[in-house]
Amino acid sequence: MKWIKRLLVAVLFLVIGMIVGAIGASILWQKMTARFTAASVLEMAVDAYEIQAGRAEAVLRRKAKAIPGFVQQLDSMYRRHMTESEYNAALWAVARFYEGVESGVPPAIRPIMEALTPRPKTSCELNGTCPIPQDDEGAAALLTQPDGEAPAQP
């Protein structure tokens, strides 16, 4: 009978510990998510302000400069936490950006990008309605238009 009481107390402490752990993990997750969300809002607001002030090229240069570091971080630190389709989708967006950049993919991320499975065509590419033409002007063409309007299609 004494061992049953001990077993019940042990189970009770285990359940209480699990509940406290789950609550603690939830609080930490919310704090981490809040920081990421705040950083995203900050970045979007700064970019919108810069574009509104006529400095779209500066925004493009800043973002283009940051892409290689983010790609390396995604590949080395976060890939194991992602599905293959999530990983591919993120890097296909990067590949699409570099299709319009004269200098091409930076050497630091070239091996990562070359190992990527081929990107399927998007629906706008299939029907010819992409807002950014895939020509020599590339991504900069959209940012140089007033009010963020897409350039005229040839």
N, C-alpha and C. Protein backbone atom coordinates (compact mmCIF):
# COMPACT_ATOMS: atom_id res chain seq x y z
N MET A 1 0.82 -1.19 0.00
CA MET A 1 0.00 0.00 0.00
C MET A 1 0.86 1.26 0.00
N LYS A 2 1.98 1.22 0.70
CA LYS A 2 2.88 2.36 0.78
C LYS A 2 3.51 2.64 -0.59
N TRP A 3 3.80 1.60 -1.33
CA TRP A 3 4.43 1.79 -2.64
C TRP A 3 3.44 2.38 -3.64
N ILE A 4 2.14 2.09 -3.46
CA ILE A 4 1.12 2.68 -4.33
C ILE A 4 1.04 4.19 -4.09
N LYS A 5 1.10 4.60 -2.82
CA LYS A 5 1.08 6.04 -2.51
C LYS A 5 2.30 6.73 -3.12
N ARG A 6 3.45 6.08 -3.00
CA ARG A 6 4.67 6.66 -3.58
C ARG A 6 4.57 6.75 -5.10
N LEU A 7 4.02 5.73 -5.71
CA LEU A 7 3.84 5.72 -7.16
C LEU A 7 2.88 6.84 -7.59
N LEU A 8 1.78 7.00 -6.87
CA LEU A 8 0.82 8.06 -7.18
C LEU A 8 1.44 9.44 -6.99
N VAL A 9 2.22 9.64 -5.95
CA VAL A 9 2.90 10.92 -5.73
C VAL A 9 3.90 11.18 -6.85
N ALA A 10 4.63 10.13 -7.25
CA ALA A 10 5.60 10.29 -8.34
C ALA A 10 4.89 10.66 -9.64
N VAL A 11 3.78 9.99 -9.92
CA VAL A 11 3.02 10.29 -11.13
C VAL A 11 2.46 11.71 -11.05
N LEU A 12 1.97 12.11 -9.90
CA LEU A 12 1.44 13.46 -9.72
C LEU A 12 2.52 14.51 -9.99
N PHE A 13 3.71 14.30 -9.42
CA PHE A 13 4.82 15.24 -9.65
C PHE A 13 5.22 15.26 -11.13
N LEU A 14 5.19 14.11 -11.77
CA LEU A 14 5.52 14.03 -13.19
C LEU A 14 4.51 14.84 -14.02
N VAL A 15 3.23 14.66 -13.73
CA VAL A 15 2.19 15.39 -14.45
C VAL A 15 2.31 16.90 -14.19
N ILE A 16 2.51 17.29 -12.96
CA ILE A 16 2.68 18.71 -12.63
C ILE A 16 3.91 19.28 -13.35
N GLY A 17 4.99 18.52 -13.36
CA GLY A 17 6.20 18.96 -14.06
C GLY A 17 5.97 19.13 -15.55
N MET A 18 5.21 18.22 -16.13
CA MET A 18 4.91 18.33 -17.56
C MET A 18 4.06 19.57 -17.85
N ILE A 19 3.10 19.84 -16.99
CA ILE A 19 2.25 21.01 -17.18
C ILE A 19 3.05 22.30 -17.04
N VAL A 20 3.87 22.37 -16.01
CA VAL A 20 4.72 23.56 -15.80
C VAL A 20 5.69 23.73 -16.97
N GLY A 21 6.28 22.63 -17.44
CA GLY A 21 7.19 22.68 -18.58
C GLY A 21 6.50 23.16 -19.85
N ALA A 22 5.28 22.67 -20.07
CA ALA A 22 4.54 23.09 -21.26
C ALA A 22 4.19 24.57 -21.20
N ILE A 23 3.81 25.05 -20.04
CA ILE A 23 3.49 26.47 -19.89
C ILE A 23 4.75 27.32 -20.11
N GLY A 24 5.85 26.89 -19.52
CA GLY A 24 7.12 27.62 -19.69
C GLY A 24 7.56 27.64 -21.14
N ALA A 25 7.46 26.51 -21.83
CA ALA A 25 7.85 26.45 -23.24
C ALA A 25 6.94 27.36 -24.08
N SER A 26 5.66 27.38 -23.76
CA SER A 26 4.71 28.23 -24.48
C SER A 26 5.07 29.71 -24.30
N ILE A 27 5.40 30.10 -23.11
CA ILE A 27 5.77 31.50 -22.84
C ILE A 27 7.05 31.87 -23.60
N LEU A 28 8.04 30.98 -23.57
CA LEU A 28 9.29 31.25 -24.30
C LEU A 28 9.04 31.33 -25.80
N TRP A 29 8.20 30.46 -26.33
CA TRP A 29 7.88 30.47 -27.76
C TRP A 29 7.20 31.78 -28.14
N GLN A 30 6.26 32.24 -27.30
CA GLN A 30 5.57 33.49 -27.59
C GLN A 30 6.54 34.67 -27.57
N LYS A 31 7.48 34.67 -26.62
CA LYS A 31 8.46 35.76 -26.58
C LYS A 31 9.33 35.76 -27.83
N MET A 32 9.77 34.56 -28.24
CA MET A 32 10.62 34.46 -29.42
C MET A 32 9.85 34.88 -30.67
N THR A 33 8.63 34.42 -30.80
CA THR A 33 7.80 34.78 -31.94
C THR A 33 7.52 36.28 -31.96
N ALA A 34 7.29 36.86 -30.80
CA ALA A 34 7.04 38.30 -30.72
C ALA A 34 8.25 39.08 -31.22
N ARG A 35 9.44 38.64 -30.88
CA ARG A 35 10.66 39.34 -31.34
C ARG A 35 10.81 39.25 -32.85
N PHE A 36 10.56 38.05 -33.42
CA PHE A 36 10.64 37.89 -34.87
C PHE A 36 9.60 38.74 -35.57
N THR A 37 8.39 38.78 -35.02
CA THR A 37 7.33 39.58 -35.62
C THR A 37 7.67 41.06 -35.54
N ALA A 38 8.17 41.51 -34.41
CA ALA A 38 8.56 42.91 -34.27
C ALA A 38 9.66 43.27 -35.26
N ALA A 39 10.62 42.39 -35.45
CA ALA A 39 11.70 42.65 -36.41
C ALA A 39 11.15 42.71 -37.83
N SER A 40 10.20 41.85 -38.16
CA SER A 40 9.59 41.87 -39.49
C SER A 40 8.81 43.16 -39.73
N VAL A 41 8.05 43.58 -38.74
CA VAL A 41 7.30 44.83 -38.86
C VAL A 41 8.25 46.00 -39.02
N LEU A 42 9.31 46.03 -38.23
CA LEU A 42 10.30 47.09 -38.32
C LEU A 42 10.91 47.14 -39.72
N GLU A 43 11.31 45.98 -40.23
CA GLU A 43 11.92 45.94 -41.56
C GLU A 43 10.96 46.42 -42.63
N MET A 44 9.71 45.96 -42.57
CA MET A 44 8.72 46.39 -43.57
C MET A 44 8.47 47.89 -43.50
N ALA A 45 8.36 48.42 -42.30
CA ALA A 45 8.10 49.84 -42.14
C ALA A 45 9.27 50.68 -42.63
N VAL A 46 10.49 50.28 -42.31
CA VAL A 46 11.67 51.01 -42.78
C VAL A 46 11.76 50.95 -44.30
N ASP A 47 11.50 49.77 -44.87
CA ASP A 47 11.53 49.65 -46.33
C ASP A 47 10.47 50.53 -46.98
N ALA A 48 9.27 50.50 -46.44
CA ALA A 48 8.19 51.33 -47.00
C ALA A 48 8.55 52.80 -46.91
N TYR A 49 9.11 53.22 -45.79
CA TYR A 49 9.53 54.61 -45.61
C TYR A 49 10.60 54.99 -46.64
N GLU A 50 11.58 54.12 -46.81
CA GLU A 50 12.67 54.39 -47.76
C GLU A 50 12.14 54.46 -49.19
N ILE A 51 11.25 53.56 -49.56
CA ILE A 51 10.68 53.57 -50.90
C ILE A 51 9.84 54.82 -51.10
N GLN A 52 9.06 55.16 -50.10
CA GLN A 52 8.23 56.36 -50.16
C GLN A 52 9.09 57.61 -50.33
N ALA A 53 10.27 57.61 -49.73
CA ALA A 53 11.18 58.75 -49.82
C ALA A 53 12.00 58.74 -51.12
N GLY A 54 11.71 57.77 -52.01
CA GLY A 54 12.40 57.73 -53.29
C GLY A 54 13.74 57.03 -53.25
N ARG A 55 13.96 56.24 -52.24
CA ARG A 55 15.24 55.54 -52.11
C ARG A 55 15.07 54.04 -52.32
N ALA A 56 14.29 53.65 -53.31
CA ALA A 56 14.04 52.23 -53.57
C ALA A 56 15.32 51.48 -53.93
N GLU A 57 16.20 52.12 -54.65
CA GLU A 57 17.46 51.46 -55.03
C GLU A 57 18.29 51.12 -53.79
N ALA A 58 18.26 51.99 -52.79
CA ALA A 58 18.99 51.71 -51.55
C ALA A 58 18.39 50.50 -50.83
N VAL A 59 17.07 50.41 -50.85
CA VAL A 59 16.40 49.25 -50.24
C VAL A 59 16.80 47.98 -50.99
N LEU A 60 16.77 48.04 -52.31
CA LEU A 60 17.16 46.89 -53.12
C LEU A 60 18.60 46.48 -52.84
N ARG A 61 19.51 47.44 -52.79
CA ARG A 61 20.92 47.12 -52.51
C ARG A 61 21.08 46.50 -51.13
N ARG A 62 20.40 47.05 -50.12
CA ARG A 62 20.50 46.52 -48.76
C ARG A 62 19.98 45.09 -48.69
N LYS A 63 18.84 44.85 -49.31
CA LYS A 63 18.26 43.51 -49.28
C LYS A 63 19.12 42.53 -50.07
N ALA A 64 19.60 42.95 -51.23
CA ALA A 64 20.44 42.08 -52.04
C ALA A 64 21.73 41.73 -51.31
N LYS A 65 22.27 42.67 -50.57
CA LYS A 65 23.50 42.43 -49.80
C LYS A 65 23.25 41.43 -48.67
N ALA A 66 22.05 41.41 -48.11
CA ALA A 66 21.74 40.52 -46.99
C ALA A 66 21.39 39.10 -47.42
N ILE A 67 20.96 38.91 -48.65
CA ILE A 67 20.50 37.59 -49.09
C ILE A 67 21.54 36.49 -48.89
N PRO A 68 22.79 36.66 -49.31
CA PRO A 68 23.74 35.55 -49.16
C PRO A 68 23.89 35.06 -47.70
N GLY A 69 23.95 35.97 -46.76
CA GLY A 69 24.07 35.58 -45.36
C GLY A 69 22.86 34.81 -44.88
N PHE A 70 21.68 35.25 -45.28
CA PHE A 70 20.47 34.55 -44.89
C PHE A 70 20.41 33.16 -45.53
N VAL A 71 20.84 33.04 -46.78
CA VAL A 71 20.84 31.74 -47.45
C VAL A 71 21.79 30.78 -46.74
N GLN A 72 22.98 31.26 -46.39
CA GLN A 72 23.93 30.41 -45.67
C GLN A 72 23.37 29.98 -44.32
N GLN A 73 22.75 30.90 -43.61
CA GLN A 73 22.15 30.60 -42.32
C GLN A 73 21.01 29.60 -42.47
N LEU A 74 20.16 29.79 -43.47
CA LEU A 74 19.06 28.87 -43.71
C LEU A 74 19.59 27.47 -43.99
N ASP A 75 20.61 27.38 -44.82
CA ASP A 75 21.15 26.08 -45.19
C ASP A 75 21.87 25.39 -44.04
N SER A 76 22.67 26.12 -43.30
CA SER A 76 23.48 25.48 -42.25
C SER A 76 22.77 25.30 -40.93
N MET A 77 21.84 26.19 -40.59
CA MET A 77 21.24 26.13 -39.26
C MET A 77 19.80 25.64 -39.25
N TYR A 78 19.02 25.98 -40.27
CA TYR A 78 17.59 25.74 -40.19
C TYR A 78 17.06 24.67 -41.14
N ARG A 79 17.87 24.21 -42.06
CA ARG A 79 17.39 23.24 -43.06
C ARG A 79 16.82 21.99 -42.41
N ARG A 80 17.42 21.52 -41.36
CA ARG A 80 16.97 20.28 -40.73
C ARG A 80 15.60 20.45 -40.06
N HIS A 81 15.16 21.68 -39.86
CA HIS A 81 13.86 21.94 -39.24
C HIS A 81 12.77 22.22 -40.27
N MET A 82 13.10 22.11 -41.55
CA MET A 82 12.17 22.46 -42.61
C MET A 82 11.86 21.24 -43.47
N THR A 83 10.69 21.29 -44.10
CA THR A 83 10.40 20.27 -45.10
C THR A 83 11.17 20.63 -46.36
N GLU A 84 11.33 19.67 -47.24
CA GLU A 84 12.04 19.92 -48.49
C GLU A 84 11.32 20.99 -49.32
N SER A 85 9.99 20.97 -49.31
CA SER A 85 9.26 21.96 -50.10
C SER A 85 9.41 23.37 -49.52
N GLU A 86 9.47 23.51 -48.20
CA GLU A 86 9.68 24.83 -47.59
C GLU A 86 11.07 25.36 -47.94
N TYR A 87 12.06 24.49 -47.83
CA TYR A 87 13.44 24.86 -48.14
C TYR A 87 13.55 25.27 -49.61
N ASN A 88 13.01 24.43 -50.49
CA ASN A 88 13.09 24.73 -51.92
C ASN A 88 12.37 26.03 -52.26
N ALA A 89 11.20 26.25 -51.69
CA ALA A 89 10.44 27.46 -51.99
C ALA A 89 11.23 28.71 -51.62
N ALA A 90 11.88 28.68 -50.46
CA ALA A 90 12.68 29.83 -50.04
C ALA A 90 13.83 30.08 -51.01
N LEU A 91 14.54 29.03 -51.37
CA LEU A 91 15.69 29.20 -52.25
C LEU A 91 15.30 29.42 -53.70
N TRP A 92 14.14 28.95 -54.11
CA TRP A 92 13.66 29.26 -55.47
C TRP A 92 13.40 30.75 -55.60
N ALA A 93 12.89 31.37 -54.54
CA ALA A 93 12.68 32.82 -54.56
C ALA A 93 14.02 33.54 -54.71
N VAL A 94 15.05 33.04 -54.02
CA VAL A 94 16.39 33.62 -54.15
C VAL A 94 16.90 33.42 -55.57
N ALA A 95 16.73 32.22 -56.11
CA ALA A 95 17.18 31.94 -57.47
C ALA A 95 16.49 32.86 -58.48
N ARG A 96 15.20 33.08 -58.25
CA ARG A 96 14.45 33.95 -59.16
C ARG A 96 14.99 35.38 -59.11
N PHE A 97 15.34 35.85 -57.91
CA PHE A 97 15.93 37.18 -57.80
C PHE A 97 17.23 37.25 -58.59
N TYR A 98 18.10 36.25 -58.42
CA TYR A 98 19.41 36.29 -59.08
C TYR A 98 19.32 36.09 -60.59
N GLU A 99 18.19 35.59 -61.11
CA GLU A 99 18.03 35.50 -62.55
C GLU A 99 18.07 36.89 -63.19
N GLY A 100 17.64 37.90 -62.45
CA GLY A 100 17.61 39.26 -62.98
C GLY A 100 18.79 40.11 -62.57
N VAL A 101 19.80 39.53 -61.92
CA VAL A 101 20.96 40.28 -61.46
C VAL A 101 22.12 40.00 -62.39
N GLU A 102 22.68 41.07 -62.92
CA GLU A 102 23.76 40.95 -63.91
C GLU A 102 24.95 40.15 -63.40
N SER A 103 25.33 40.35 -62.15
CA SER A 103 26.51 39.66 -61.60
C SER A 103 26.23 38.20 -61.25
N GLY A 104 24.98 37.79 -61.23
CA GLY A 104 24.65 36.40 -60.95
C GLY A 104 24.72 36.07 -59.47
N VAL A 105 24.68 34.79 -59.18
CA VAL A 105 24.69 34.31 -57.79
C VAL A 105 26.06 34.56 -57.18
N PRO A 106 26.14 35.14 -55.98
CA PRO A 106 27.43 35.37 -55.33
C PRO A 106 28.17 34.06 -55.06
N PRO A 107 29.49 34.07 -55.15
CA PRO A 107 30.26 32.85 -54.94
C PRO A 107 30.01 32.18 -53.58
N ALA A 108 29.69 32.96 -52.56
CA ALA A 108 29.50 32.40 -51.22
C ALA A 108 28.32 31.43 -51.16
N ILE A 109 27.32 31.64 -52.00
CA ILE A 109 26.14 30.76 -51.96
C ILE A 109 25.97 29.94 -53.24
N ARG A 110 26.90 30.07 -54.16
CA ARG A 110 26.77 29.34 -55.43
C ARG A 110 26.64 27.84 -55.23
N PRO A 111 27.43 27.19 -54.36
CA PRO A 111 27.26 25.74 -54.18
C PRO A 111 25.87 25.36 -53.65
N ILE A 112 25.33 26.17 -52.77
CA ILE A 112 23.99 25.90 -52.23
C ILE A 112 22.95 26.02 -53.34
N MET A 113 23.06 27.07 -54.13
CA MET A 113 22.08 27.31 -55.18
C MET A 113 22.21 26.29 -56.32
N GLU A 114 23.43 25.85 -56.60
CA GLU A 114 23.62 24.86 -57.66
C GLU A 114 23.07 23.49 -57.26
N ALA A 115 23.04 23.20 -55.95
CA ALA A 115 22.52 21.92 -55.46
C ALA A 115 21.00 21.90 -55.37
N LEU A 116 20.38 23.04 -55.56
CA LEU A 116 18.93 23.17 -55.46
C LEU A 116 18.26 22.49 -56.65
N THR A 117 17.15 21.82 -56.38
CA THR A 117 16.40 21.21 -57.48
C THR A 117 15.87 22.33 -58.38
N PRO A 118 15.72 22.05 -59.67
CA PRO A 118 15.26 23.10 -60.58
C PRO A 118 13.92 23.69 -60.16
N ARG A 119 13.82 24.99 -60.31
CA ARG A 119 12.58 25.69 -59.94
C ARG A 119 11.56 25.54 -61.06
N PRO A 120 10.35 25.11 -60.69
CA PRO A 120 9.30 25.05 -61.72
C PRO A 120 8.86 26.47 -62.08
N LYS A 121 8.32 26.62 -63.26
CA LYS A 121 7.83 27.93 -63.68
C LYS A 121 6.60 28.30 -62.85
N THR A 122 6.51 29.58 -62.51
CA THR A 122 5.35 30.06 -61.78
C THR A 122 4.21 30.29 -62.76
N SER A 123 3.01 30.47 -62.23
CA SER A 123 1.86 30.68 -63.11
C SER A 123 2.02 31.96 -63.92
N CYS A 124 2.59 33.01 -63.32
CA CYS A 124 2.76 34.25 -64.07
C CYS A 124 3.80 34.09 -65.18
N GLU A 125 4.78 33.23 -64.97
CA GLU A 125 5.75 32.96 -66.03
C GLU A 125 5.10 32.17 -67.17
N LEU A 126 4.23 31.26 -66.80
CA LEU A 126 3.56 30.45 -67.82
C LEU A 126 2.60 31.27 -68.67
N ASN A 127 1.91 32.24 -68.05
CA ASN A 127 0.95 33.02 -68.83
C ASN A 127 1.47 34.41 -69.20
N GLY A 128 2.74 34.71 -68.89
CA GLY A 128 3.37 35.95 -69.32
C GLY A 128 2.92 37.20 -68.59
N THR A 129 2.51 37.08 -67.34
CA THR A 129 2.02 38.25 -66.61
C THR A 129 2.88 38.61 -65.40
N CYS A 130 4.11 38.17 -65.38
CA CYS A 130 4.97 38.47 -64.23
C CYS A 130 5.21 39.97 -64.13
N PRO A 131 5.16 40.53 -62.90
CA PRO A 131 5.37 41.97 -62.76
C PRO A 131 6.81 42.39 -62.99
N ILE A 132 7.74 41.48 -62.84
CA ILE A 132 9.15 41.80 -63.03
C ILE A 132 9.63 41.05 -64.27
N PRO A 133 10.00 41.78 -65.32
CA PRO A 133 10.46 41.08 -66.52
C PRO A 133 11.77 40.36 -66.24
N GLN A 134 11.93 39.20 -66.81
CA GLN A 134 13.15 38.43 -66.63
C GLN A 134 14.12 38.78 -67.76
N ASP A 135 14.63 40.00 -67.73
CA ASP A 135 15.57 40.46 -68.73
C ASP A 135 16.76 41.13 -68.04
N ASP A 136 17.51 41.93 -68.78
CA ASP A 136 18.70 42.56 -68.21
C ASP A 136 18.39 43.51 -67.07
N GLU A 137 17.19 44.10 -67.05
CA GLU A 137 16.85 45.03 -65.98
C GLU A 137 16.57 44.29 -64.68
N GLY A 138 16.00 43.11 -64.77
CA GLY A 138 15.75 42.27 -63.61
C GLY A 138 14.91 42.92 -62.53
N ALA A 139 15.25 42.63 -61.30
CA ALA A 139 14.45 43.07 -60.15
C ALA A 139 14.42 44.58 -60.01
N ALA A 140 15.43 45.27 -60.46
CA ALA A 140 15.46 46.72 -60.30
C ALA A 140 14.39 47.42 -61.13
N ALA A 141 13.91 46.77 -62.18
CA ALA A 141 12.92 47.42 -63.05
C ALA A 141 11.66 47.77 -62.29
N LEU A 142 11.17 46.89 -61.45
CA LEU A 142 9.94 47.16 -60.71
C LEU A 142 10.13 48.30 -59.72
N LEU A 143 11.27 48.34 -59.09
CA LEU A 143 11.49 49.34 -58.05
C LEU A 143 11.71 50.74 -58.60
N THR A 144 11.98 50.86 -59.87
CA THR A 144 12.21 52.18 -60.42
C THR A 144 10.94 52.81 -60.97
N GLN A 145 9.82 52.07 -60.93
CA GLN A 145 8.56 52.61 -61.42
C GLN A 145 7.87 53.41 -60.33
N PRO A 146 7.16 54.49 -60.67
CA PRO A 146 6.44 55.27 -59.66
C PRO A 146 5.31 54.45 -59.06
N ASP A 147 5.05 54.62 -57.79
CA ASP A 147 3.95 53.97 -57.06
C ASP A 147 4.06 52.45 -57.07
N GLY A 148 5.23 51.88 -57.33
CA GLY A 148 5.38 50.44 -57.31
C GLY A 148 4.67 49.71 -58.41
N GLU A 149 4.25 50.44 -59.48
CA GLU A 149 3.55 49.80 -60.58
C GLU A 149 4.53 48.99 -61.41
N ALA A 150 4.06 47.90 -61.93
CA ALA A 150 4.91 47.05 -62.76
C ALA A 150 5.18 47.76 -64.07
N PRO A 151 6.39 47.57 -64.60
CA PRO A 151 6.70 48.17 -65.89
C PRO A 151 5.84 47.52 -67.00
N ALA A 152 5.65 48.24 -68.07
CA ALA A 152 4.86 47.71 -69.17
C ALA A 152 5.52 46.48 -69.76
N GLN A 153 4.74 45.51 -70.08
CA GLN A 153 5.25 44.29 -70.71
C GLN A 153 5.48 44.56 -72.19
N PRO A 154 6.58 44.02 -72.74
CA PRO A 154 6.84 44.24 -74.18
C PRO A 154 5.87 43.44 -75.02
